[in-house]
N, C-alpha and C. Protein backbone atom coordinates (compact mmCIF):
# COMPACT_ATOMS: atom_id res chain seq x y z
N MET A 1 9.85 4.84 -12.94
CA MET A 1 8.51 4.33 -12.67
C MET A 1 8.49 3.75 -11.25
N LYS A 2 7.42 4.03 -10.54
CA LYS A 2 7.28 3.55 -9.17
C LYS A 2 6.18 2.51 -9.09
N LYS A 3 6.30 1.63 -8.11
CA LYS A 3 5.28 0.59 -7.95
C LYS A 3 5.12 0.29 -6.47
N LEU A 4 3.90 0.36 -5.98
CA LEU A 4 3.58 0.02 -4.61
C LEU A 4 2.79 -1.29 -4.65
N VAL A 5 3.25 -2.30 -3.92
CA VAL A 5 2.62 -3.61 -3.92
C VAL A 5 2.17 -3.95 -2.51
N ILE A 6 0.92 -4.36 -2.37
CA ILE A 6 0.37 -4.76 -1.07
C ILE A 6 0.13 -6.25 -1.10
N ASN A 7 0.79 -6.97 -0.19
CA ASN A 7 0.63 -8.42 -0.10
C ASN A 7 -0.67 -8.71 0.66
N GLU A 8 -1.65 -9.21 -0.05
CA GLU A 8 -2.99 -9.42 0.54
C GLU A 8 -2.98 -10.45 1.66
N ASP A 9 -2.04 -11.39 1.64
CA ASP A 9 -1.99 -12.42 2.68
C ASP A 9 -1.49 -11.86 4.01
N PHE A 10 -0.69 -10.79 3.96
CA PHE A 10 -0.12 -10.22 5.18
C PHE A 10 -0.91 -9.05 5.74
N CYS A 11 -1.69 -8.37 4.90
CA CYS A 11 -2.42 -7.17 5.32
C CYS A 11 -3.50 -7.52 6.34
N LYS A 12 -3.53 -6.77 7.44
CA LYS A 12 -4.54 -6.97 8.47
C LYS A 12 -5.52 -5.80 8.57
N GLY A 13 -5.45 -4.89 7.60
CA GLY A 13 -6.41 -3.80 7.56
C GLY A 13 -6.32 -2.83 8.72
N CYS A 14 -5.14 -2.67 9.29
CA CYS A 14 -5.01 -1.79 10.46
C CYS A 14 -5.15 -0.31 10.09
N GLY A 15 -4.84 0.03 8.83
CA GLY A 15 -4.98 1.40 8.39
C GLY A 15 -3.81 2.31 8.69
N LEU A 16 -2.73 1.78 9.26
CA LEU A 16 -1.58 2.62 9.55
C LEU A 16 -0.94 3.17 8.28
N CYS A 17 -0.98 2.40 7.20
CA CYS A 17 -0.43 2.88 5.93
C CYS A 17 -1.25 4.05 5.39
N VAL A 18 -2.55 4.00 5.61
CA VAL A 18 -3.43 5.09 5.17
C VAL A 18 -3.04 6.37 5.88
N ILE A 19 -2.78 6.28 7.17
CA ILE A 19 -2.39 7.44 7.97
C ILE A 19 -0.99 7.92 7.58
N ALA A 20 -0.10 6.99 7.27
CA ALA A 20 1.30 7.33 6.98
C ALA A 20 1.51 7.97 5.63
N CYS A 21 0.64 7.71 4.66
CA CYS A 21 0.84 8.23 3.31
C CYS A 21 0.66 9.75 3.30
N PRO A 22 1.74 10.49 3.00
CA PRO A 22 1.64 11.95 3.03
C PRO A 22 0.75 12.51 1.93
N LEU A 23 0.52 11.74 0.87
CA LEU A 23 -0.33 12.20 -0.23
C LEU A 23 -1.74 11.62 -0.18
N GLU A 24 -2.03 10.84 0.85
CA GLU A 24 -3.35 10.23 1.06
C GLU A 24 -3.79 9.41 -0.15
N LEU A 25 -2.89 8.55 -0.65
CA LEU A 25 -3.15 7.75 -1.84
C LEU A 25 -3.66 6.34 -1.52
N ILE A 26 -3.48 5.90 -0.30
CA ILE A 26 -3.87 4.54 0.10
C ILE A 26 -5.19 4.60 0.86
N THR A 27 -6.05 3.64 0.59
CA THR A 27 -7.34 3.56 1.28
C THR A 27 -7.56 2.12 1.76
N LEU A 28 -8.50 1.94 2.66
CA LEU A 28 -8.95 0.60 3.03
C LEU A 28 -10.18 0.30 2.19
N GLY A 29 -10.13 -0.81 1.47
CA GLY A 29 -11.22 -1.14 0.57
C GLY A 29 -12.25 -2.06 1.20
N LYS A 30 -13.22 -2.45 0.40
CA LYS A 30 -14.26 -3.36 0.85
C LYS A 30 -13.86 -4.81 0.67
N LYS A 31 -12.85 -5.05 -0.18
CA LYS A 31 -12.36 -6.40 -0.40
C LYS A 31 -11.64 -6.90 0.86
N VAL A 32 -11.85 -8.15 1.20
CA VAL A 32 -11.20 -8.75 2.37
C VAL A 32 -10.31 -9.90 1.92
N ASN A 33 -9.30 -10.21 2.74
CA ASN A 33 -8.42 -11.33 2.42
C ASN A 33 -8.96 -12.62 3.04
N LYS A 34 -8.17 -13.69 2.96
CA LYS A 34 -8.61 -15.00 3.46
C LYS A 34 -8.91 -15.00 4.95
N GLN A 35 -8.25 -14.10 5.68
CA GLN A 35 -8.47 -14.02 7.12
C GLN A 35 -9.65 -13.13 7.48
N GLY A 36 -10.24 -12.48 6.48
CA GLY A 36 -11.39 -11.62 6.72
C GLY A 36 -11.06 -10.16 7.01
N TYR A 37 -9.80 -9.78 6.84
CA TYR A 37 -9.39 -8.39 7.08
C TYR A 37 -9.64 -7.54 5.84
N PRO A 38 -10.09 -6.30 6.02
CA PRO A 38 -10.22 -5.40 4.87
C PRO A 38 -8.83 -5.04 4.37
N LEU A 39 -8.68 -4.98 3.06
CA LEU A 39 -7.35 -4.78 2.48
C LEU A 39 -7.06 -3.31 2.17
N ALA A 40 -5.82 -2.93 2.43
CA ALA A 40 -5.34 -1.64 1.97
C ALA A 40 -5.23 -1.72 0.46
N GLN A 41 -5.46 -0.59 -0.20
CA GLN A 41 -5.41 -0.59 -1.66
C GLN A 41 -4.94 0.75 -2.17
N ILE A 42 -4.42 0.73 -3.39
CA ILE A 42 -4.05 1.96 -4.08
C ILE A 42 -4.56 1.82 -5.51
N SER A 43 -5.28 2.81 -5.97
CA SER A 43 -5.84 2.76 -7.31
C SER A 43 -4.74 2.96 -8.35
N ASP A 44 -5.02 2.58 -9.58
CA ASP A 44 -4.04 2.78 -10.66
C ASP A 44 -3.71 4.25 -10.83
N ALA A 45 -4.73 5.11 -10.71
CA ALA A 45 -4.50 6.55 -10.83
C ALA A 45 -3.59 7.05 -9.72
N ASN A 46 -3.79 6.55 -8.51
CA ASN A 46 -2.94 6.96 -7.39
C ASN A 46 -1.56 6.33 -7.47
N GLN A 47 -1.47 5.16 -8.08
CA GLN A 47 -0.17 4.51 -8.27
C GLN A 47 0.77 5.44 -9.04
N VAL A 48 0.22 6.15 -10.02
CA VAL A 48 0.99 7.09 -10.83
C VAL A 48 1.45 8.29 -9.98
N LYS A 49 0.62 8.70 -9.04
CA LYS A 49 0.93 9.86 -8.20
C LYS A 49 1.92 9.53 -7.07
N CYS A 50 2.08 8.25 -6.76
CA CYS A 50 2.95 7.80 -5.67
C CYS A 50 4.39 8.25 -5.92
N THR A 51 5.02 8.82 -4.90
CA THR A 51 6.40 9.28 -5.01
C THR A 51 7.40 8.23 -4.53
N ALA A 52 6.92 7.08 -4.09
CA ALA A 52 7.76 5.99 -3.58
C ALA A 52 8.56 6.41 -2.35
N CYS A 53 7.95 7.20 -1.50
CA CYS A 53 8.63 7.65 -0.28
C CYS A 53 8.79 6.52 0.73
N SER A 54 7.99 5.49 0.62
CA SER A 54 8.03 4.28 1.46
C SER A 54 7.54 4.49 2.89
N ALA A 55 6.89 5.61 3.16
CA ALA A 55 6.36 5.84 4.51
C ALA A 55 5.37 4.74 4.88
N CYS A 56 4.55 4.32 3.92
CA CYS A 56 3.56 3.28 4.18
C CYS A 56 4.23 1.95 4.52
N ALA A 57 5.27 1.60 3.79
CA ALA A 57 5.98 0.34 4.02
C ALA A 57 6.69 0.34 5.37
N ARG A 58 7.26 1.47 5.73
CA ARG A 58 7.94 1.56 7.03
C ARG A 58 6.95 1.49 8.19
N MET A 59 5.74 2.00 7.99
CA MET A 59 4.73 2.02 9.04
C MET A 59 4.06 0.66 9.22
N CYS A 60 3.98 -0.14 8.15
CA CYS A 60 3.24 -1.41 8.20
C CYS A 60 3.87 -2.39 9.19
N PRO A 61 3.15 -2.77 10.24
CA PRO A 61 3.71 -3.67 11.25
C PRO A 61 3.84 -5.11 10.76
N ASP A 62 3.21 -5.44 9.65
CA ASP A 62 3.23 -6.82 9.16
C ASP A 62 4.04 -7.00 7.89
N GLY A 63 4.72 -5.96 7.45
CA GLY A 63 5.55 -6.07 6.25
C GLY A 63 4.76 -6.39 5.00
N ALA A 64 3.53 -5.89 4.93
CA ALA A 64 2.64 -6.23 3.81
C ALA A 64 2.84 -5.33 2.59
N ILE A 65 3.64 -4.28 2.74
CA ILE A 65 3.80 -3.32 1.64
C ILE A 65 5.24 -3.27 1.18
N SER A 66 5.42 -3.35 -0.14
CA SER A 66 6.72 -3.20 -0.76
C SER A 66 6.63 -2.05 -1.75
N VAL A 67 7.68 -1.25 -1.80
CA VAL A 67 7.72 -0.12 -2.72
C VAL A 67 8.96 -0.29 -3.61
N TYR A 68 8.73 -0.20 -4.90
CA TYR A 68 9.80 -0.38 -5.87
C TYR A 68 9.94 0.86 -6.74
N GLN A 69 11.16 1.15 -7.11
CA GLN A 69 11.42 2.17 -8.12
C GLN A 69 12.04 1.42 -9.30
N LEU A 70 11.25 1.26 -10.34
CA LEU A 70 11.67 0.49 -11.50
C LEU A 70 12.43 1.39 -12.47
N LYS A 71 13.50 0.84 -13.02
CA LYS A 71 14.29 1.59 -13.99
C LYS A 71 13.66 1.45 -15.36
N LYS A 72 13.72 2.53 -16.11
CA LYS A 72 13.26 2.49 -17.49
C LYS A 72 14.39 1.96 -18.35
N ASP A 73 14.06 1.19 -19.37
CA ASP A 73 15.10 0.66 -20.28
C ASP A 73 15.63 1.72 -21.20
């Protein structure tokens, strides 16, 4: 199981993760954080499609994205 987590406090809405995602699963939403930046987001449906390649996390200049590969019990 894969999990992509976006830290809303660190995201500045630059959109580099959107560009970096090879499957185009990340979007910039209408929701803004405390600083007023639009937040990157991934829908639950797209979360399932995510391959956990980590391109988005590597591209993020603010370290706002973490990608996990969770082990099944």
